[in-house]
Each structure stands twice: as C-alpha cells, then as structure tokens.
Amino acid sequence: MAIKQIKAFSEKARTDAALKEQLLACVKVRELITLAKENGFEIDEEVLYPPNEPQFTFDQLSEKLGKALLRA
C-alpha cells in the first residue's frame, strides 16, 4: 500500500505544476512527507529509501533529496 501512495503522489506531481514546484522546493524527507500528507497521501519514510524501487525521478526532486532517495 505504501508504494502505491508514493507512486500516486509522484504521478500527481508530474501533472500538477504547482505541486511539482512545491516538491522541488523540498530539501528534507520530512518536508516531502508533509507535502504528500497535505495533498491526501500517506507516505511511510522507510519505503522511500533503497532498496525499494524509486517512485520519483531526479527532475522531480531537489538535488539533496535526489541524492538521498535515488542513490544506486
């Protein structure tokens, strides 16, 4: 369920320009989780990190978050 919430939030951020800008402004995982919650998504922080498959792309995240969540 948690992965589905992350994926749905990521998809919404791809199609909603305002949400995309807010997501790019997040530099901490807590900020991303708060933004998701404000938009009706429940995200578990532990599921965001590898080895789980990333649901975001580098162009959706700030550089700091991208390095933390999308590391290989």
N, C-alpha and C. Protein backbone atom coordinates (compact mmCIF):
# COMPACT_ATOMS: atom_id res chain seq x y z
N MET A 1 0.82 -1.21 0.00
CA MET A 1 0.00 0.00 0.00
C MET A 1 0.86 1.27 0.00
N ALA A 2 1.93 1.25 0.77
CA ALA A 2 2.76 2.45 0.88
C ALA A 2 3.38 2.83 -0.46
N ILE A 3 3.84 1.84 -1.21
CA ILE A 3 4.44 2.12 -2.53
C ILE A 3 3.39 2.73 -3.45
N LYS A 4 2.17 2.25 -3.38
CA LYS A 4 1.10 2.79 -4.23
C LYS A 4 0.85 4.26 -3.91
N GLN A 5 0.91 4.64 -2.63
CA GLN A 5 0.72 6.03 -2.24
C GLN A 5 1.84 6.91 -2.79
N ILE A 6 3.08 6.41 -2.69
CA ILE A 6 4.21 7.17 -3.20
C ILE A 6 4.10 7.34 -4.71
N LYS A 7 3.76 6.26 -5.38
CA LYS A 7 3.62 6.31 -6.85
C LYS A 7 2.50 7.27 -7.26
N ALA A 8 1.39 7.23 -6.56
CA ALA A 8 0.27 8.13 -6.87
C ALA A 8 0.66 9.59 -6.64
N PHE A 9 1.38 9.85 -5.56
CA PHE A 9 1.84 11.21 -5.27
C PHE A 9 2.80 11.68 -6.35
N SER A 10 3.71 10.82 -6.74
CA SER A 10 4.67 11.15 -7.80
C SER A 10 3.96 11.46 -9.11
N GLU A 11 2.97 10.65 -9.46
CA GLU A 11 2.20 10.87 -10.69
C GLU A 11 1.46 12.20 -10.64
N LYS A 12 0.86 12.51 -9.49
CA LYS A 12 0.13 13.78 -9.36
C LYS A 12 1.10 14.95 -9.52
N ALA A 13 2.31 14.81 -8.95
CA ALA A 13 3.30 15.89 -9.05
C ALA A 13 3.77 16.08 -10.49
N ARG A 14 3.70 15.05 -11.30
CA ARG A 14 4.09 15.17 -12.71
C ARG A 14 3.07 15.97 -13.51
N THR A 15 1.81 15.91 -13.10
CA THR A 15 0.74 16.55 -13.87
C THR A 15 0.25 17.87 -13.28
N ASP A 16 0.61 18.15 -12.03
CA ASP A 16 0.17 19.37 -11.34
C ASP A 16 1.38 20.28 -11.19
N ALA A 17 1.42 21.35 -11.97
CA ALA A 17 2.59 22.23 -12.00
C ALA A 17 2.89 22.85 -10.63
N ALA A 18 1.86 23.26 -9.91
CA ALA A 18 2.07 23.87 -8.59
C ALA A 18 2.67 22.85 -7.61
N LEU A 19 2.15 21.65 -7.63
CA LEU A 19 2.65 20.60 -6.75
C LEU A 19 4.10 20.24 -7.14
N LYS A 20 4.38 20.23 -8.42
CA LYS A 20 5.73 19.94 -8.90
C LYS A 20 6.72 20.95 -8.32
N GLU A 21 6.36 22.22 -8.35
CA GLU A 21 7.24 23.26 -7.81
C GLU A 21 7.42 23.10 -6.30
N GLN A 22 6.34 22.76 -5.61
CA GLN A 22 6.43 22.55 -4.16
C GLN A 22 7.33 21.36 -3.85
N LEU A 23 7.22 20.31 -4.63
CA LEU A 23 8.05 19.12 -4.43
C LEU A 23 9.52 19.44 -4.67
N LEU A 24 9.80 20.20 -5.71
CA LEU A 24 11.18 20.60 -6.00
C LEU A 24 11.77 21.45 -4.88
N ALA A 25 10.92 22.18 -4.17
CA ALA A 25 11.39 23.04 -3.08
C ALA A 25 11.71 22.25 -1.81
N CYS A 26 11.26 21.03 -1.71
CA CYS A 26 11.53 20.20 -0.53
C CYS A 26 13.00 19.77 -0.53
N VAL A 27 13.68 20.00 0.59
CA VAL A 27 15.07 19.58 0.70
C VAL A 27 15.25 18.50 1.78
N LYS A 28 14.20 18.26 2.54
CA LYS A 28 14.25 17.23 3.58
C LYS A 28 13.12 16.24 3.35
N VAL A 29 13.36 15.00 3.73
CA VAL A 29 12.34 13.96 3.56
C VAL A 29 11.08 14.33 4.34
N ARG A 30 11.23 14.89 5.52
CA ARG A 30 10.07 15.30 6.32
C ARG A 30 9.21 16.31 5.55
N GLU A 31 9.83 17.20 4.82
CA GLU A 31 9.09 18.19 4.02
C GLU A 31 8.29 17.49 2.92
N LEU A 32 8.91 16.50 2.28
CA LEU A 32 8.23 15.74 1.24
C LEU A 32 7.03 15.00 1.83
N ILE A 33 7.22 14.37 2.98
CA ILE A 33 6.13 13.62 3.62
C ILE A 33 5.00 14.56 4.04
N THR A 34 5.34 15.72 4.56
CA THR A 34 4.32 16.72 4.94
C THR A 34 3.55 17.20 3.71
N LEU A 35 4.26 17.47 2.62
CA LEU A 35 3.61 17.91 1.38
C LEU A 35 2.67 16.82 0.87
N ALA A 36 3.12 15.59 0.90
CA ALA A 36 2.26 14.48 0.47
C ALA A 36 1.01 14.42 1.33
N LYS A 37 1.18 14.52 2.63
CA LYS A 37 0.04 14.45 3.56
C LYS A 37 -0.95 15.59 3.29
N GLU A 38 -0.43 16.78 3.03
CA GLU A 38 -1.28 17.94 2.72
C GLU A 38 -2.09 17.72 1.44
N ASN A 39 -1.62 16.82 0.60
CA ASN A 39 -2.30 16.53 -0.65
C ASN A 39 -3.05 15.20 -0.62
N GLY A 40 -3.23 14.65 0.58
CA GLY A 40 -4.06 13.46 0.75
C GLY A 40 -3.35 12.12 0.60
N PHE A 41 -2.02 12.12 0.68
CA PHE A 41 -1.26 10.88 0.54
C PHE A 41 -0.55 10.54 1.84
N GLU A 42 -0.57 9.28 2.21
CA GLU A 42 0.13 8.80 3.40
C GLU A 42 1.38 8.06 2.95
N ILE A 43 2.53 8.60 3.27
CA ILE A 43 3.80 8.02 2.85
C ILE A 43 4.60 7.60 4.07
N ASP A 44 5.12 6.38 4.02
CA ASP A 44 5.98 5.86 5.07
C ASP A 44 7.43 6.15 4.66
N GLU A 45 8.14 6.88 5.49
CA GLU A 45 9.50 7.30 5.16
C GLU A 45 10.42 6.14 4.80
N GLU A 46 10.32 5.04 5.50
CA GLU A 46 11.21 3.91 5.27
C GLU A 46 11.06 3.31 3.86
N VAL A 47 9.88 3.45 3.27
CA VAL A 47 9.64 2.88 1.95
C VAL A 47 10.24 3.75 0.85
N LEU A 48 10.55 5.00 1.17
CA LEU A 48 11.13 5.91 0.17
C LEU A 48 12.56 5.53 -0.21
N TYR A 49 13.28 4.92 0.70
CA TYR A 49 14.71 4.66 0.51
C TYR A 49 14.98 3.35 -0.20
N PRO A 50 16.15 3.27 -0.87
CA PRO A 50 16.59 1.98 -1.42
C PRO A 50 16.69 0.98 -0.28
N PRO A 51 16.47 -0.28 -0.53
CA PRO A 51 16.49 -0.95 -1.82
C PRO A 51 15.15 -0.93 -2.55
N ASN A 52 14.14 -0.23 -2.01
CA ASN A 52 12.86 -0.15 -2.71
C ASN A 52 13.03 0.58 -4.03
N GLU A 53 12.24 0.19 -5.00
CA GLU A 53 12.30 0.83 -6.32
C GLU A 53 11.86 2.28 -6.21
N PRO A 54 12.66 3.22 -6.74
CA PRO A 54 12.30 4.63 -6.65
C PRO A 54 11.02 4.94 -7.43
N GLN A 55 10.21 5.80 -6.86
CA GLN A 55 8.97 6.21 -7.50
C GLN A 55 9.07 7.63 -8.04
N PHE A 56 10.18 8.30 -7.75
CA PHE A 56 10.42 9.66 -8.24
C PHE A 56 11.59 9.63 -9.21
N THR A 57 11.73 10.69 -9.97
CA THR A 57 12.89 10.85 -10.86
C THR A 57 13.70 12.05 -10.37
N PHE A 58 14.95 12.14 -10.82
CA PHE A 58 15.80 13.25 -10.38
C PHE A 58 15.19 14.61 -10.71
N ASP A 59 14.48 14.71 -11.83
CA ASP A 59 13.92 16.01 -12.20
C ASP A 59 12.72 16.41 -11.35
N GLN A 60 12.22 15.51 -10.50
CA GLN A 60 11.10 15.83 -9.61
C GLN A 60 11.57 16.30 -8.24
N LEU A 61 12.83 16.04 -7.91
CA LEU A 61 13.31 16.28 -6.55
C LEU A 61 14.45 17.29 -6.53
N SER A 62 14.62 17.93 -5.36
CA SER A 62 15.78 18.79 -5.18
C SER A 62 17.02 17.92 -5.25
N GLU A 63 18.16 18.53 -5.48
CA GLU A 63 19.40 17.77 -5.60
C GLU A 63 19.66 16.94 -4.34
N LYS A 64 19.44 17.53 -3.19
CA LYS A 64 19.69 16.84 -1.92
C LYS A 64 18.78 15.61 -1.77
N LEU A 65 17.49 15.78 -2.04
CA LEU A 65 16.57 14.65 -1.93
C LEU A 65 16.86 13.59 -2.99
N GLY A 66 17.20 14.02 -4.18
CA GLY A 66 17.53 13.08 -5.24
C GLY A 66 18.69 12.19 -4.86
N LYS A 67 19.72 12.78 -4.27
CA LYS A 67 20.88 12.00 -3.84
C LYS A 67 20.51 11.03 -2.73
N ALA A 68 19.63 11.43 -1.84
CA ALA A 68 19.25 10.58 -0.71
C ALA A 68 18.32 9.44 -1.14
N LEU A 69 17.36 9.75 -1.99
CA LEU A 69 16.32 8.77 -2.30
C LEU A 69 16.59 7.96 -3.56
N LEU A 70 17.43 8.45 -4.44
CA LEU A 70 17.63 7.78 -5.72
C LEU A 70 19.03 7.22 -5.89
N ARG A 71 19.76 7.12 -4.81
CA ARG A 71 21.12 6.58 -4.92
C ARG A 71 21.09 5.12 -5.39
N ALA A 72 22.08 4.77 -6.15
CA ALA A 72 22.14 3.42 -6.71
C ALA A 72 22.77 2.45 -5.74
